[in-house]
Amino acid sequence: MAPTYLPGERLTALRRWRPIRTGDVVVVRDPRDADRWLLKRCVGRVGRRLDLRGDNAAASTDSRDFGLVDAREVAYIVLSPSSS
């Protein structure tokens, strides 16, 4: 998620308590490897399915690789700096 979030940076993320909105940064298990967590931004919705993208398109593994993700798969929502 560079340049928005850098490696080693501490984030505050809360269990999903509301519907995911476009622009939210979320934590979700990698649909291809359940042992791996991903930090992604929701860039769109198609019903209950989310289009998740990394902020650095050239170096990101995201919905372009694994497809749309069901909103129920989102475990956490990252609070923006102004929300923490």
PDB file of N, CA and C in Angstrom:
ATOM      1  N   MET A   1       0.819  -1.201   0.000  1.00  0.00           N
ATOM      2  CA  MET A   1       0.000   0.000   0.000  1.00  0.00           C
ATOM      3  C   MET A   1       0.858   1.259   0.000  1.00  0.00           C
ATOM      4  N   ALA A   2       2.148   1.095  -0.289  1.00  0.00           N
ATOM      5  CA  ALA A   2       2.981   2.285  -0.441  1.00  0.00           C
ATOM      6  C   ALA A   2       2.467   3.056  -1.655  1.00  0.00           C
ATOM      7  N   PRO A   3       2.457   4.315  -1.655  1.00  0.00           N
ATOM      8  CA  PRO A   3       3.083   5.221  -0.695  1.00  0.00           C
ATOM      9  C   PRO A   3       2.176   5.619   0.476  1.00  0.00           C
ATOM     10  N   THR A   4       0.922   5.156   0.502  1.00  0.00           N
ATOM     11  CA  THR A   4       0.016   5.546   1.580  1.00  0.00           C
ATOM     12  C   THR A   4       0.490   5.019   2.924  1.00  0.00           C
ATOM     13  N   TYR A   5       0.813   3.739   2.977  1.00  0.00           N
ATOM     14  CA  TYR A   5       1.319   3.105   4.192  1.00  0.00           C
ATOM     15  C   TYR A   5       2.650   2.461   3.858  1.00  0.00           C
ATOM     16  N   LEU A   6       3.640   2.663   4.705  1.00  0.00           N
ATOM     17  CA  LEU A   6       4.984   2.154   4.456  1.00  0.00           C
ATOM     18  C   LEU A   6       5.262   0.932   5.318  1.00  0.00           C
ATOM     19  N   PRO A   7       6.154   0.038   4.874  1.00  0.00           N
ATOM     20  CA  PRO A   7       6.497  -1.135   5.678  1.00  0.00           C
ATOM     21  C   PRO A   7       6.941  -0.716   7.083  1.00  0.00           C
ATOM     22  N   GLY A   8       6.426  -1.410   8.086  1.00  0.00           N
ATOM     23  CA  GLY A   8       6.771  -1.118   9.475  1.00  0.00           C
ATOM     24  C   GLY A   8       5.889  -0.070  10.135  1.00  0.00           C
ATOM     25  N   GLU A   9       5.083   0.613   9.352  1.00  0.00           N
ATOM     26  CA  GLU A   9       4.197   1.640   9.902  1.00  0.00           C
ATOM     27  C   GLU A   9       3.074   0.968  10.693  1.00  0.00           C
ATOM     28  N   ARG A  10       2.735   1.547  11.840  1.00  0.00           N
ATOM     29  CA  ARG A  10       1.654   1.008  12.662  1.00  0.00           C
ATOM     30  C   ARG A  10       0.324   1.590  12.207  1.00  0.00           C
ATOM     31  N   LEU A  11      -0.670   0.708  12.123  1.00  0.00           N
ATOM     32  CA  LEU A  11      -2.011   1.105  11.707  1.00  0.00           C
ATOM     33  C   LEU A  11      -3.002   0.706  12.787  1.00  0.00           C
ATOM     34  N   THR A  12      -4.113   1.386  12.810  1.00  0.00           N
ATOM     35  CA  THR A  12      -5.208   0.988  13.684  1.00  0.00           C
ATOM     36  C   THR A  12      -6.308   0.438  12.802  1.00  0.00           C
ATOM     37  N   ALA A  13      -6.674  -0.814  13.064  1.00  0.00           N
ATOM     38  CA  ALA A  13      -7.729  -1.464  12.289  1.00  0.00           C
ATOM     39  C   ALA A  13      -8.721  -2.076  13.267  1.00  0.00           C
ATOM     40  N   LEU A  14      -9.994  -1.897  12.979  1.00  0.00           N
ATOM     41  CA  LEU A  14     -11.054  -2.432  13.820  1.00  0.00           C
ATOM     42  C   LEU A  14     -11.819  -3.490  13.054  1.00  0.00           C
ATOM     43  N   ARG A  15     -12.327  -4.474  13.800  1.00  0.00           N
ATOM     44  CA  ARG A  15     -13.181  -5.475  13.149  1.00  0.00           C
ATOM     45  C   ARG A  15     -14.273  -4.759  12.377  1.00  0.00           C
ATOM     46  N   ARG A  16     -14.612  -5.311  11.241  1.00  0.00           N
ATOM     47  CA  ARG A  16     -15.631  -4.693  10.385  1.00  0.00           C
ATOM     48  C   ARG A  16     -16.909  -4.496  11.189  1.00  0.00           C
ATOM     49  N   TRP A  17     -17.308  -3.251  11.342  1.00  0.00           N
ATOM     50  CA  TRP A  17     -18.489  -2.909  12.136  1.00  0.00           C
ATOM     51  C   TRP A  17     -19.569  -2.238  11.298  1.00  0.00           C
ATOM     52  N   ARG A  18     -19.251  -1.977  10.044  1.00  0.00           N
ATOM     53  CA  ARG A  18     -20.203  -1.314   9.152  1.00  0.00           C
ATOM     54  C   ARG A  18     -19.935  -1.789   7.736  1.00  0.00           C
ATOM     55  N   PRO A  19     -20.856  -1.489   6.819  1.00  0.00           N
ATOM     56  CA  PRO A  19     -20.609  -1.870   5.421  1.00  0.00           C
ATOM     57  C   PRO A  19     -19.341  -1.196   4.879  1.00  0.00           C
ATOM     58  N   ILE A  20     -18.662  -1.878   4.005  1.00  0.00           N
ATOM     59  CA  ILE A  20     -17.459  -1.341   3.379  1.00  0.00           C
ATOM     60  C   ILE A  20     -17.872  -0.317   2.331  1.00  0.00           C
ATOM     61  N   ARG A  21     -17.196   0.826   2.365  1.00  0.00           N
ATOM     62  CA  ARG A  21     -17.478   1.899   1.406  1.00  0.00           C
ATOM     63  C   ARG A  21     -16.295   2.064   0.452  1.00  0.00           C
ATOM     64  N   THR A  22     -16.573   2.567  -0.717  1.00  0.00           N
ATOM     65  CA  THR A  22     -15.510   2.892  -1.661  1.00  0.00           C
ATOM     66  C   THR A  22     -14.549   3.868  -0.984  1.00  0.00           C
ATOM     67  N   GLY A  23     -13.271   3.579  -1.074  1.00  0.00           N
ATOM     68  CA  GLY A  23     -12.247   4.407  -0.448  1.00  0.00           C
ATOM     69  C   GLY A  23     -11.724   3.837   0.857  1.00  0.00           C
ATOM     70  N   ASP A  24     -12.468   2.918   1.473  1.00  0.00           N
ATOM     71  CA  ASP A  24     -12.005   2.291   2.711  1.00  0.00           C
ATOM     72  C   ASP A  24     -10.768   1.443   2.449  1.00  0.00           C
ATOM     73  N   VAL A  25      -9.842   1.466   3.404  1.00  0.00           N
ATOM     74  CA  VAL A  25      -8.707   0.547   3.391  1.00  0.00           C
ATOM     75  C   VAL A  25      -9.083  -0.595   4.325  1.00  0.00           C
ATOM     76  N   VAL A  26      -8.932  -1.814   3.833  1.00  0.00           N
ATOM     77  CA  VAL A  26      -9.401  -2.984   4.571  1.00  0.00           C
ATOM     78  C   VAL A  26      -8.300  -4.040   4.683  1.00  0.00           C
ATOM     79  N   VAL A  27      -8.501  -4.939   5.632  1.00  0.00           N
ATOM     80  CA  VAL A  27      -7.621  -6.092   5.801  1.00  0.00           C
ATOM     81  C   VAL A  27      -8.450  -7.324   5.478  1.00  0.00           C
ATOM     82  N   VAL A  28      -7.929  -8.140   4.582  1.00  0.00           N
ATOM     83  CA  VAL A  28      -8.634  -9.334   4.116  1.00  0.00           C
ATOM     84  C   VAL A  28      -7.618 -10.452   3.920  1.00  0.00           C
ATOM     85  N   ARG A  29      -8.050 -11.688   4.142  1.00  0.00           N
ATOM     86  CA  ARG A  29      -7.163 -12.819   3.850  1.00  0.00           C
ATOM     87  C   ARG A  29      -7.002 -12.931   2.334  1.00  0.00           C
ATOM     88  N   ASP A  30      -5.804 -13.276   1.907  1.00  0.00           N
ATOM     89  CA  ASP A  30      -5.539 -13.486   0.491  1.00  0.00           C
ATOM     90  C   ASP A  30      -6.423 -14.645   0.016  1.00  0.00           C
ATOM     91  N   PRO A  31      -7.272 -14.417  -0.984  1.00  0.00           N
ATOM     92  CA  PRO A  31      -8.144 -15.492  -1.469  1.00  0.00           C
ATOM     93  C   PRO A  31      -7.379 -16.708  -1.984  1.00  0.00           C
ATOM     94  N   ARG A  32      -6.120 -16.538  -2.301  1.00  0.00           N
ATOM     95  CA  ARG A  32      -5.314 -17.642  -2.831  1.00  0.00           C
ATOM     96  C   ARG A  32      -4.448 -18.315  -1.778  1.00  0.00           C
ATOM     97  N   ASP A  33      -4.280 -17.672  -0.610  1.00  0.00           N
ATOM     98  CA  ASP A  33      -3.426 -18.211   0.450  1.00  0.00           C
ATOM     99  C   ASP A  33      -3.959 -17.715   1.793  1.00  0.00           C
ATOM    100  N   ALA A  34      -4.744 -18.546   2.473  1.00  0.00           N
ATOM    101  CA  ALA A  34      -5.430 -18.140   3.705  1.00  0.00           C
ATOM    102  C   ALA A  34      -4.472 -17.792   4.846  1.00  0.00           C
ATOM    103  N   ASP A  35      -3.190 -18.130   4.727  1.00  0.00           N
ATOM    104  CA  ASP A  35      -2.219 -17.777   5.763  1.00  0.00           C
ATOM    105  C   ASP A  35      -1.679 -16.360   5.596  1.00  0.00           C
ATOM    106  N   ARG A  36      -2.057 -15.710   4.519  1.00  0.00           N
ATOM    107  CA  ARG A  36      -1.520 -14.381   4.194  1.00  0.00           C
ATOM    108  C   ARG A  36      -2.623 -13.332   4.307  1.00  0.00           C
ATOM    109  N   TRP A  37      -2.310 -12.225   4.979  1.00  0.00           N
ATOM    110  CA  TRP A  37      -3.251 -11.090   5.095  1.00  0.00           C
ATOM    111  C   TRP A  37      -2.858 -10.012   4.104  1.00  0.00           C
ATOM    112  N   LEU A  38      -3.854  -9.340   3.520  1.00  0.00           N
ATOM    113  CA  LEU A  38      -3.620  -8.264   2.558  1.00  0.00           C
ATOM    114  C   LEU A  38      -4.239  -6.968   3.063  1.00  0.00           C
ATOM    115  N   LEU A  39      -3.571  -5.877   2.790  1.00  0.00           N
ATOM    116  CA  LEU A  39      -4.065  -4.534   3.079  1.00  0.00           C
ATOM    117  C   LEU A  39      -4.398  -3.906   1.732  1.00  0.00           C
ATOM    118  N   LYS A  40      -5.689  -3.608   1.500  1.00  0.00           N
ATOM    119  CA  LYS A  40      -6.123  -3.117   0.192  1.00  0.00           C
ATOM    120  C   LYS A  40      -7.173  -2.027   0.341  1.00  0.00           C
ATOM    121  N   ARG A  41      -7.325  -1.247  -0.716  1.00  0.00           N
ATOM    122  CA  ARG A  41      -8.335  -0.194  -0.758  1.00  0.00           C
ATOM    123  C   ARG A  41      -9.520  -0.672  -1.602  1.00  0.00           C
ATOM    124  N   CYS A  42     -10.722  -0.431  -1.116  1.00  0.00           N
ATOM    125  CA  CYS A  42     -11.916  -0.750  -1.890  1.00  0.00           C
ATOM    126  C   CYS A  42     -12.115   0.366  -2.917  1.00  0.00           C
ATOM    127  N   VAL A  43     -12.069  -0.008  -4.189  1.00  0.00           N
ATOM    128  CA  VAL A  43     -12.233   0.995  -5.245  1.00  0.00           C
ATOM    129  C   VAL A  43     -13.588   0.898  -5.934  1.00  0.00           C
ATOM    130  N   GLY A  44     -14.361  -0.123  -5.578  1.00  0.00           N
ATOM    131  CA  GLY A  44     -15.678  -0.260  -6.184  1.00  0.00           C
ATOM    132  C   GLY A  44     -16.437  -1.432  -5.605  1.00  0.00           C
ATOM    133  N   ARG A  45     -17.740  -1.412  -5.828  1.00  0.00           N
ATOM    134  CA  ARG A  45     -18.621  -2.484  -5.357  1.00  0.00           C
ATOM    135  C   ARG A  45     -19.493  -2.953  -6.503  1.00  0.00           C
ATOM    136  N   VAL A  46     -19.750  -4.247  -6.517  1.00  0.00           N
ATOM    137  CA  VAL A  46     -20.725  -4.837  -7.428  1.00  0.00           C
ATOM    138  C   VAL A  46     -21.591  -5.720  -6.532  1.00  0.00           C
ATOM    139  N   GLY A  47     -22.678  -5.171  -6.042  1.00  0.00           N
ATOM    140  CA  GLY A  47     -23.486  -5.886  -5.053  1.00  0.00           C
ATOM    141  C   GLY A  47     -22.683  -6.086  -3.788  1.00  0.00           C
ATOM    142  N   ARG A  48     -22.534  -7.348  -3.363  1.00  0.00           N
ATOM    143  CA  ARG A  48     -21.759  -7.666  -2.166  1.00  0.00           C
ATOM    144  C   ARG A  48     -20.281  -7.886  -2.479  1.00  0.00           C
ATOM    145  N   ARG A  49     -19.913  -7.810  -3.727  1.00  0.00           N
ATOM    146  CA  ARG A  49     -18.536  -8.078  -4.144  1.00  0.00           C
ATOM    147  C   ARG A  49     -17.746  -6.775  -4.207  1.00  0.00           C
ATOM    148  N   LEU A  50     -16.503  -6.835  -3.733  1.00  0.00           N
ATOM    149  CA  LEU A  50     -15.650  -5.651  -3.663  1.00  0.00           C
ATOM    150  C   LEU A  50     -14.491  -5.763  -4.639  1.00  0.00           C
ATOM    151  N   ASP A  51     -14.159  -4.635  -5.260  1.00  0.00           N
ATOM    152  CA  ASP A  51     -12.963  -4.527  -6.083  1.00  0.00           C
ATOM    153  C   ASP A  51     -11.887  -3.934  -5.180  1.00  0.00           C
ATOM    154  N   LEU A  52     -10.901  -4.740  -4.817  1.00  0.00           N
ATOM    155  CA  LEU A  52      -9.837  -4.316  -3.915  1.00  0.00           C
ATOM    156  C   LEU A  52      -8.558  -4.097  -4.688  1.00  0.00           C
ATOM    157  N   ARG A  53      -7.938  -2.957  -4.455  1.00  0.00           N
ATOM    158  CA  ARG A  53      -6.700  -2.610  -5.165  1.00  0.00           C
ATOM    159  C   ARG A  53      -5.664  -2.101  -4.179  1.00  0.00           C
ATOM    160  N   GLY A  54      -4.407  -2.301  -4.540  1.00  0.00           N
ATOM    161  CA  GLY A  54      -3.310  -1.693  -3.804  1.00  0.00           C
ATOM    162  C   GLY A  54      -3.072  -0.294  -4.338  1.00  0.00           C
ATOM    163  N   ASP A  55      -2.472   0.555  -3.528  1.00  0.00           N
ATOM    164  CA  ASP A  55      -2.231   1.931  -3.960  1.00  0.00           C
ATOM    165  C   ASP A  55      -1.063   2.043  -4.947  1.00  0.00           C
ATOM    166  N   ASN A  56      -0.232   1.012  -5.040  1.00  0.00           N
ATOM    167  CA  ASN A  56       0.878   0.997  -5.983  1.00  0.00           C
ATOM    168  C   ASN A  56       0.585  -0.090  -7.020  1.00  0.00           C
ATOM    169  N   ALA A  57      -0.100   0.277  -8.079  1.00  0.00           N
ATOM    170  CA  ALA A  57      -0.584  -0.695  -9.061  1.00  0.00           C
ATOM    171  C   ALA A  57       0.528  -1.560  -9.651  1.00  0.00           C
ATOM    172  N   ALA A  58       1.709  -1.006  -9.827  1.00  0.00           N
ATOM    173  CA  ALA A  58       2.800  -1.757 -10.457  1.00  0.00           C
ATOM    174  C   ALA A  58       3.323  -2.879  -9.558  1.00  0.00           C
ATOM    175  N   ALA A  59       3.117  -2.776  -8.249  1.00  0.00           N
ATOM    176  CA  ALA A  59       3.680  -3.758  -7.324  1.00  0.00           C
ATOM    177  C   ALA A  59       2.609  -4.430  -6.470  1.00  0.00           C
ATOM    178  N   SER A  60       1.362  -4.397  -6.899  1.00  0.00           N
ATOM    179  CA  SER A  60       0.270  -4.871  -6.064  1.00  0.00           C
ATOM    180  C   SER A  60      -0.325  -6.179  -6.573  1.00  0.00           C
ATOM    181  N   THR A  61      -0.661  -7.049  -5.629  1.00  0.00           N
ATOM    182  CA  THR A  61      -1.477  -8.221  -5.908  1.00  0.00           C
ATOM    183  C   THR A  61      -2.863  -7.881  -5.389  1.00  0.00           C
ATOM    184  N   ASP A  62      -3.836  -7.823  -6.277  1.00  0.00           N
ATOM    185  CA  ASP A  62      -5.158  -7.351  -5.865  1.00  0.00           C
ATOM    186  C   ASP A  62      -6.248  -7.964  -6.735  1.00  0.00           C
ATOM    187  N   SER A  63      -7.411  -7.356  -6.792  1.00  0.00           N
ATOM    188  CA  SER A  63      -8.545  -7.914  -7.531  1.00  0.00           C
ATOM    189  C   SER A  63      -8.246  -8.130  -9.006  1.00  0.00           C
ATOM    190  N   ARG A  64      -7.274  -7.441  -9.534  1.00  0.00           N
ATOM    191  CA  ARG A  64      -6.890  -7.694 -10.924  1.00  0.00           C
ATOM    192  C   ARG A  64      -6.284  -9.082 -11.073  1.00  0.00           C
ATOM    193  N   ASP A  65      -5.757  -9.624  -9.978  1.00  0.00           N
ATOM    194  CA  ASP A  65      -5.163 -10.962  -9.981  1.00  0.00           C
ATOM    195  C   ASP A  65      -6.133 -12.031  -9.490  1.00  0.00           C
ATOM    196  N   PHE A  66      -6.890 -11.749  -8.420  1.00  0.00           N
ATOM    197  CA  PHE A  66      -7.733 -12.783  -7.808  1.00  0.00           C
ATOM    198  C   PHE A  66      -9.220 -12.521  -7.913  1.00  0.00           C
ATOM    199  N   GLY A  67      -9.617 -11.457  -8.585  1.00  0.00           N
ATOM    200  CA  GLY A  67     -11.034 -11.180  -8.787  1.00  0.00           C
ATOM    201  C   GLY A  67     -11.679 -10.442  -7.618  1.00  0.00           C
ATOM    202  N   LEU A  68     -12.977 -10.225  -7.744  1.00  0.00           N
ATOM    203  CA  LEU A  68     -13.714  -9.516  -6.706  1.00  0.00           C
ATOM    204  C   LEU A  68     -13.812 -10.391  -5.453  1.00  0.00           C
ATOM    205  N   VAL A  69     -13.932  -9.724  -4.298  1.00  0.00           N
ATOM    206  CA  VAL A  69     -13.968 -10.404  -3.007  1.00  0.00           C
ATOM    207  C   VAL A  69     -15.305 -10.109  -2.342  1.00  0.00           C
ATOM    208  N   ASP A  70     -15.928 -11.128  -1.781  1.00  0.00           N
ATOM    209  CA  ASP A  70     -17.181 -10.922  -1.058  1.00  0.00           C
ATOM    210  C   ASP A  70     -16.923 -10.040   0.158  1.00  0.00           C
ATOM    211  N   ALA A  71     -17.800  -9.088   0.397  1.00  0.00           N
ATOM    212  CA  ALA A  71     -17.641  -8.147   1.512  1.00  0.00           C
ATOM    213  C   ALA A  71     -17.534  -8.860   2.850  1.00  0.00           C
ATOM    214  N   ARG A  72     -18.145 -10.041   2.976  1.00  0.00           N
ATOM    215  CA  ARG A  72     -18.068 -10.792   4.234  1.00  0.00           C
ATOM    216  C   ARG A  72     -16.659 -11.281   4.529  1.00  0.00           C
ATOM    217  N   GLU A  73     -15.786 -11.282   3.526  1.00  0.00           N
ATOM    218  CA  GLU A  73     -14.407 -11.731   3.723  1.00  0.00           C
ATOM    219  C   GLU A  73     -13.532 -10.665   4.374  1.00  0.00           C
ATOM    220  N   VAL A  74     -13.995  -9.421   4.405  1.00  0.00           N
ATOM    221  CA  VAL A  74     -13.223  -8.348   5.027  1.00  0.00           C
ATOM    222  C   VAL A  74     -13.265  -8.528   6.539  1.00  0.00           C
ATOM    223  N   ALA A  75     -12.074  -8.620   7.136  1.00  0.00           N
ATOM    224  CA  ALA A  75     -11.986  -8.826   8.580  1.00  0.00           C
ATOM    225  C   ALA A  75     -11.903  -7.499   9.338  1.00  0.00           C
ATOM    226  N   TYR A  76     -11.183  -6.531   8.795  1.00  0.00           N
ATOM    227  CA  TYR A  76     -10.926  -5.272   9.497  1.00  0.00           C
ATOM    228  C   TYR A  76     -11.033  -4.092   8.543  1.00  0.00           C
ATOM    229  N   ILE A  77     -11.364  -2.946   9.112  1.00  0.00           N
ATOM    230  CA  ILE A  77     -11.337  -1.669   8.399  1.00  0.00           C
ATOM    231  C   ILE A  77     -10.253  -0.829   9.070  1.00  0.00           C
ATOM    232  N   VAL A  78      -9.363  -0.270   8.281  1.00  0.00           N
ATOM    233  CA  VAL A  78      -8.272   0.566   8.798  1.00  0.00           C
ATOM    234  C   VAL A  78      -8.806   1.975   9.010  1.00  0.00           C
ATOM    235  N   LEU A  79      -8.534   2.510  10.186  1.00  0.00           N
ATOM    236  CA  LEU A  79      -8.948   3.882  10.464  1.00  0.00           C
ATOM    237  C   LEU A  79      -7.985   4.832   9.774  1.00  0.00           C
ATOM    238  N   SER A  80      -8.519   5.873   9.195  1.00  0.00           N
ATOM    239  CA  SER A  80      -7.670   6.879   8.569  1.00  0.00           C
ATOM    240  C   SER A  80      -6.979   7.665   9.686  1.00  0.00           C
ATOM    241  N   PRO A  81      -5.841   8.295   9.392  1.00  0.00           N
ATOM    242  CA  PRO A  81      -5.150   9.059  10.445  1.00  0.00           C
ATOM    243  C   PRO A  81      -6.053  10.074  11.146  1.00  0.00           C
ATOM    244  N   SER A  82      -6.992  10.656  10.414  1.00  0.00           N
ATOM    245  CA  SER A  82      -7.857  11.659  11.037  1.00  0.00           C
ATOM    246  C   SER A  82      -8.907  11.015  11.928  1.00  0.00           C
ATOM    247  N   SER A  83      -9.118   9.676  11.796  1.00  0.00           N
ATOM    248  CA  SER A  83     -10.124   8.987  12.594  1.00  0.00           C
ATOM    249  C   SER A  83      -9.542   8.390  13.870  1.00  0.00           C
ATOM    250  N   SER A  84      -8.219   8.294  13.953  1.00  0.00           N
ATOM    251  CA  SER A  84      -7.639   7.613  15.108  1.00  0.00           C
ATOM    252  C   SER A  84      -7.338   8.541  16.250  1.00  0.00           C
TER     253      SER A  84
END
